[in-house]
Amino acid sequence: MALALGLSDEIQASSKIKLETLFIDEGFGTLDDESLEAMMNILADLSNSNKLIGIISHVEQLKQRIDKQIVVSKDSHGNSKVKMVI
C-alpha cells in the first residue's frame, strides 16, 4: 500500500495529472490484525480527503467495515454477477 500511495504522490508532483481515484489490490489476507487495522485507518483518512479509494479483497474484516461495495460473484453456470451494496 505504501508503494501505491507513494507512486500516486510522485505522479501528481512531477506532472499535471491529479489522481483522485486509487484502486488497491494488496493481498490484505497476509496482514495481522494490528496491521490491517492501521491500513484501514489510513484508507479511511484518505477517503475523507475527497479521494475515491477502491479496495479489491476477499478479507471478511474489510467487507464488514466498507459501507459501499461492488460485489462480483459467479452463478451456478459460471457467469459473473455484479451487485451493489450501499
N, C-alpha and C. Protein backbone atom coordinates (compact mmCIF):
# COMPACT_ATOMS: atom_id res chain seq x y z
N MET A 1 0.82 -1.16 0.00
CA MET A 1 0.00 0.00 0.00
C MET A 1 0.88 1.25 0.00
N ALA A 2 1.96 1.21 0.73
CA ALA A 2 2.87 2.36 0.77
C ALA A 2 3.39 2.67 -0.62
N LEU A 3 3.71 1.65 -1.39
CA LEU A 3 4.20 1.86 -2.76
C LEU A 3 3.12 2.52 -3.62
N ALA A 4 1.89 2.03 -3.54
CA ALA A 4 0.80 2.62 -4.33
C ALA A 4 0.57 4.07 -3.97
N LEU A 5 0.57 4.39 -2.69
CA LEU A 5 0.36 5.76 -2.25
C LEU A 5 1.54 6.65 -2.64
N GLY A 6 2.74 6.12 -2.50
CA GLY A 6 3.94 6.88 -2.87
C GLY A 6 3.98 7.18 -4.36
N LEU A 7 3.65 6.19 -5.19
CA LEU A 7 3.62 6.40 -6.64
C LEU A 7 2.57 7.43 -7.01
N SER A 8 1.42 7.37 -6.37
CA SER A 8 0.37 8.36 -6.63
C SER A 8 0.87 9.76 -6.34
N ASP A 9 1.53 9.95 -5.21
CA ASP A 9 2.06 11.27 -4.84
C ASP A 9 3.13 11.72 -5.83
N GLU A 10 4.02 10.81 -6.23
CA GLU A 10 5.10 11.17 -7.17
C GLU A 10 4.54 11.57 -8.53
N ILE A 11 3.57 10.84 -9.02
CA ILE A 11 2.97 11.17 -10.33
C ILE A 11 2.35 12.55 -10.28
N GLN A 12 1.63 12.83 -9.21
CA GLN A 12 1.00 14.14 -9.09
C GLN A 12 2.03 15.26 -8.95
N ALA A 13 3.10 15.01 -8.23
CA ALA A 13 4.12 16.03 -8.00
C ALA A 13 4.92 16.32 -9.26
N SER A 14 5.13 15.32 -10.10
CA SER A 14 6.00 15.50 -11.26
C SER A 14 5.25 15.76 -12.57
N SER A 15 3.93 15.85 -12.50
CA SER A 15 3.16 16.10 -13.71
C SER A 15 1.93 16.93 -13.37
N LYS A 16 1.15 17.18 -14.37
CA LYS A 16 -0.10 17.93 -14.16
C LYS A 16 -1.28 17.00 -13.95
N ILE A 17 -0.99 15.73 -13.76
CA ILE A 17 -2.05 14.74 -13.56
C ILE A 17 -2.45 14.74 -12.10
N LYS A 18 -3.75 14.81 -11.84
CA LYS A 18 -4.26 14.74 -10.48
C LYS A 18 -5.03 13.43 -10.32
N LEU A 19 -4.55 12.59 -9.42
CA LEU A 19 -5.18 11.30 -9.18
C LEU A 19 -6.13 11.40 -7.99
N GLU A 20 -7.42 11.29 -8.26
CA GLU A 20 -8.40 11.36 -7.19
C GLU A 20 -9.03 10.00 -6.91
N THR A 21 -8.64 9.00 -7.69
CA THR A 21 -9.16 7.66 -7.52
C THR A 21 -7.98 6.70 -7.43
N LEU A 22 -8.07 5.77 -6.51
CA LEU A 22 -6.99 4.81 -6.31
C LEU A 22 -7.60 3.44 -6.03
N PHE A 23 -7.21 2.43 -6.80
CA PHE A 23 -7.64 1.06 -6.55
C PHE A 23 -6.46 0.29 -5.99
N ILE A 24 -6.71 -0.44 -4.92
CA ILE A 24 -5.64 -1.17 -4.25
C ILE A 24 -6.01 -2.65 -4.17
N ASP A 25 -5.12 -3.49 -4.65
CA ASP A 25 -5.24 -4.94 -4.54
C ASP A 25 -3.93 -5.42 -3.95
N GLU A 26 -3.84 -5.45 -2.64
CA GLU A 26 -2.57 -5.61 -1.97
C GLU A 26 -2.36 -6.93 -1.25
N GLY A 27 -3.26 -7.86 -1.29
CA GLY A 27 -3.07 -9.08 -0.52
C GLY A 27 -3.29 -8.85 0.97
N PHE A 28 -4.42 -8.25 1.31
CA PHE A 28 -4.72 -7.91 2.69
C PHE A 28 -4.79 -9.13 3.60
N GLY A 29 -5.00 -10.30 3.03
CA GLY A 29 -5.12 -11.52 3.82
C GLY A 29 -3.84 -11.90 4.55
N THR A 30 -2.71 -11.34 4.17
CA THR A 30 -1.45 -11.67 4.81
C THR A 30 -1.14 -10.77 6.00
N LEU A 31 -1.99 -9.75 6.23
CA LEU A 31 -1.74 -8.81 7.32
C LEU A 31 -2.25 -9.35 8.65
N ASP A 32 -1.52 -9.06 9.72
CA ASP A 32 -2.03 -9.41 11.05
C ASP A 32 -3.11 -8.38 11.42
N ASP A 33 -3.84 -8.63 12.50
CA ASP A 33 -4.96 -7.77 12.87
C ASP A 33 -4.54 -6.33 13.09
N GLU A 34 -3.41 -6.11 13.73
CA GLU A 34 -2.94 -4.75 14.01
C GLU A 34 -2.59 -4.00 12.73
N SER A 35 -1.91 -4.67 11.81
CA SER A 35 -1.54 -4.04 10.53
C SER A 35 -2.78 -3.76 9.69
N LEU A 36 -3.74 -4.68 9.71
CA LEU A 36 -4.98 -4.49 8.96
C LEU A 36 -5.75 -3.28 9.51
N GLU A 37 -5.80 -3.15 10.82
CA GLU A 37 -6.48 -2.01 11.44
C GLU A 37 -5.79 -0.69 11.06
N ALA A 38 -4.47 -0.67 11.10
CA ALA A 38 -3.71 0.53 10.74
C ALA A 38 -3.96 0.89 9.27
N MET A 39 -3.98 -0.10 8.40
CA MET A 39 -4.22 0.13 6.98
C MET A 39 -5.63 0.68 6.76
N MET A 40 -6.61 0.15 7.45
CA MET A 40 -7.99 0.63 7.31
C MET A 40 -8.11 2.08 7.78
N ASN A 41 -7.40 2.43 8.84
CA ASN A 41 -7.44 3.81 9.33
C ASN A 41 -6.84 4.77 8.31
N ILE A 42 -5.74 4.36 7.68
CA ILE A 42 -5.11 5.19 6.65
C ILE A 42 -6.06 5.37 5.47
N LEU A 43 -6.69 4.30 5.03
CA LEU A 43 -7.62 4.39 3.90
C LEU A 43 -8.83 5.24 4.25
N ALA A 44 -9.31 5.16 5.49
CA ALA A 44 -10.44 5.99 5.93
C ALA A 44 -10.04 7.47 5.88
N ASP A 45 -8.84 7.78 6.33
CA ASP A 45 -8.36 9.16 6.28
C ASP A 45 -8.27 9.66 4.84
N LEU A 46 -7.78 8.81 3.95
CA LEU A 46 -7.69 9.19 2.53
C LEU A 46 -9.06 9.43 1.93
N SER A 47 -10.00 8.57 2.24
CA SER A 47 -11.34 8.73 1.66
C SER A 47 -12.04 9.97 2.20
N ASN A 48 -11.66 10.42 3.39
CA ASN A 48 -12.22 11.65 3.94
C ASN A 48 -11.60 12.89 3.32
N SER A 49 -10.55 12.73 2.53
CA SER A 49 -9.88 13.86 1.88
C SER A 49 -10.26 13.96 0.41
N ASN A 50 -11.51 13.63 0.08
CA ASN A 50 -12.05 13.74 -1.28
C ASN A 50 -11.36 12.84 -2.29
N LYS A 51 -10.84 11.71 -1.86
CA LYS A 51 -10.29 10.72 -2.77
C LYS A 51 -11.21 9.51 -2.78
N LEU A 52 -11.37 8.91 -3.93
CA LEU A 52 -12.14 7.69 -4.04
C LEU A 52 -11.17 6.53 -3.97
N ILE A 53 -11.33 5.68 -2.98
CA ILE A 53 -10.43 4.55 -2.76
C ILE A 53 -11.21 3.27 -3.03
N GLY A 54 -10.72 2.46 -3.97
CA GLY A 54 -11.31 1.15 -4.26
C GLY A 54 -10.39 0.06 -3.73
N ILE A 55 -10.96 -0.88 -3.02
CA ILE A 55 -10.18 -1.98 -2.46
C ILE A 55 -10.68 -3.28 -3.08
N ILE A 56 -9.75 -4.08 -3.58
CA ILE A 56 -10.07 -5.39 -4.13
C ILE A 56 -9.61 -6.40 -3.10
N SER A 57 -10.56 -7.12 -2.49
CA SER A 57 -10.18 -8.00 -1.40
C SER A 57 -11.23 -9.07 -1.15
N HIS A 58 -10.78 -10.17 -0.54
CA HIS A 58 -11.66 -11.24 -0.09
C HIS A 58 -11.67 -11.32 1.43
N VAL A 59 -10.99 -10.41 2.11
CA VAL A 59 -10.85 -10.45 3.56
C VAL A 59 -12.17 -10.01 4.21
N GLU A 60 -12.73 -10.89 5.01
CA GLU A 60 -14.04 -10.65 5.63
C GLU A 60 -14.04 -9.40 6.52
N GLN A 61 -12.95 -9.15 7.24
CA GLN A 61 -12.87 -7.97 8.11
C GLN A 61 -13.02 -6.68 7.32
N LEU A 62 -12.48 -6.66 6.11
CA LEU A 62 -12.62 -5.48 5.26
C LEU A 62 -14.06 -5.33 4.78
N LYS A 63 -14.65 -6.43 4.36
CA LYS A 63 -16.02 -6.38 3.86
C LYS A 63 -16.98 -5.84 4.91
N GLN A 64 -16.74 -6.18 6.16
CA GLN A 64 -17.62 -5.73 7.24
C GLN A 64 -17.49 -4.24 7.51
N ARG A 65 -16.36 -3.65 7.19
CA ARG A 65 -16.12 -2.23 7.51
C ARG A 65 -16.35 -1.28 6.35
N ILE A 66 -16.56 -1.80 5.17
CA ILE A 66 -16.73 -0.94 4.00
C ILE A 66 -18.21 -0.78 3.69
N ASP A 67 -18.67 0.47 3.70
CA ASP A 67 -20.10 0.75 3.52
C ASP A 67 -20.60 0.45 2.11
N LYS A 68 -19.90 0.97 1.13
CA LYS A 68 -20.34 0.86 -0.26
C LYS A 68 -19.46 -0.17 -0.96
N GLN A 69 -20.12 -1.19 -1.55
CA GLN A 69 -19.37 -2.28 -2.16
C GLN A 69 -19.93 -2.62 -3.53
N ILE A 70 -19.04 -3.07 -4.39
CA ILE A 70 -19.43 -3.72 -5.64
C ILE A 70 -18.99 -5.17 -5.47
N VAL A 71 -19.95 -6.06 -5.37
CA VAL A 71 -19.67 -7.47 -5.11
C VAL A 71 -19.81 -8.25 -6.41
N VAL A 72 -18.74 -8.92 -6.80
CA VAL A 72 -18.75 -9.74 -8.01
C VAL A 72 -18.72 -11.20 -7.59
N SER A 73 -19.66 -11.99 -8.10
CA SER A 73 -19.71 -13.42 -7.78
C SER A 73 -20.10 -14.19 -9.04
N LYS A 74 -19.97 -15.49 -8.96
CA LYS A 74 -20.34 -16.34 -10.09
C LYS A 74 -21.62 -17.10 -9.75
N ASP A 75 -22.48 -17.26 -10.77
CA ASP A 75 -23.68 -18.06 -10.56
C ASP A 75 -23.36 -19.53 -10.85
N SER A 76 -24.36 -20.38 -10.78
CA SER A 76 -24.14 -21.82 -10.95
C SER A 76 -23.68 -22.21 -12.35
N HIS A 77 -23.81 -21.30 -13.31
CA HIS A 77 -23.38 -21.56 -14.69
C HIS A 77 -22.01 -20.97 -14.98
N GLY A 78 -21.38 -20.35 -13.97
CA GLY A 78 -20.06 -19.76 -14.15
C GLY A 78 -20.08 -18.34 -14.68
N ASN A 79 -21.27 -17.75 -14.79
CA ASN A 79 -21.39 -16.37 -15.24
C ASN A 79 -21.18 -15.41 -14.07
N SER A 80 -20.53 -14.30 -14.34
CA SER A 80 -20.31 -13.30 -13.30
C SER A 80 -21.57 -12.50 -13.05
N LYS A 81 -21.80 -12.21 -11.77
CA LYS A 81 -22.92 -11.37 -11.35
C LYS A 81 -22.34 -10.22 -10.53
N VAL A 82 -22.90 -9.03 -10.75
CA VAL A 82 -22.44 -7.85 -10.03
C VAL A 82 -23.60 -7.32 -9.20
N LYS A 83 -23.31 -6.99 -7.94
CA LYS A 83 -24.33 -6.47 -7.05
C LYS A 83 -23.74 -5.27 -6.30
N MET A 84 -24.51 -4.19 -6.23
CA MET A 84 -24.11 -3.02 -5.47
C MET A 84 -24.66 -3.15 -4.05
N VAL A 85 -23.80 -2.94 -3.07
CA VAL A 85 -24.22 -2.95 -1.68
C VAL A 85 -23.95 -1.56 -1.13
N ILE A 86 -25.02 -0.88 -0.76
CA ILE A 86 -24.87 0.50 -0.27
C ILE A 86 -25.47 0.61 1.12
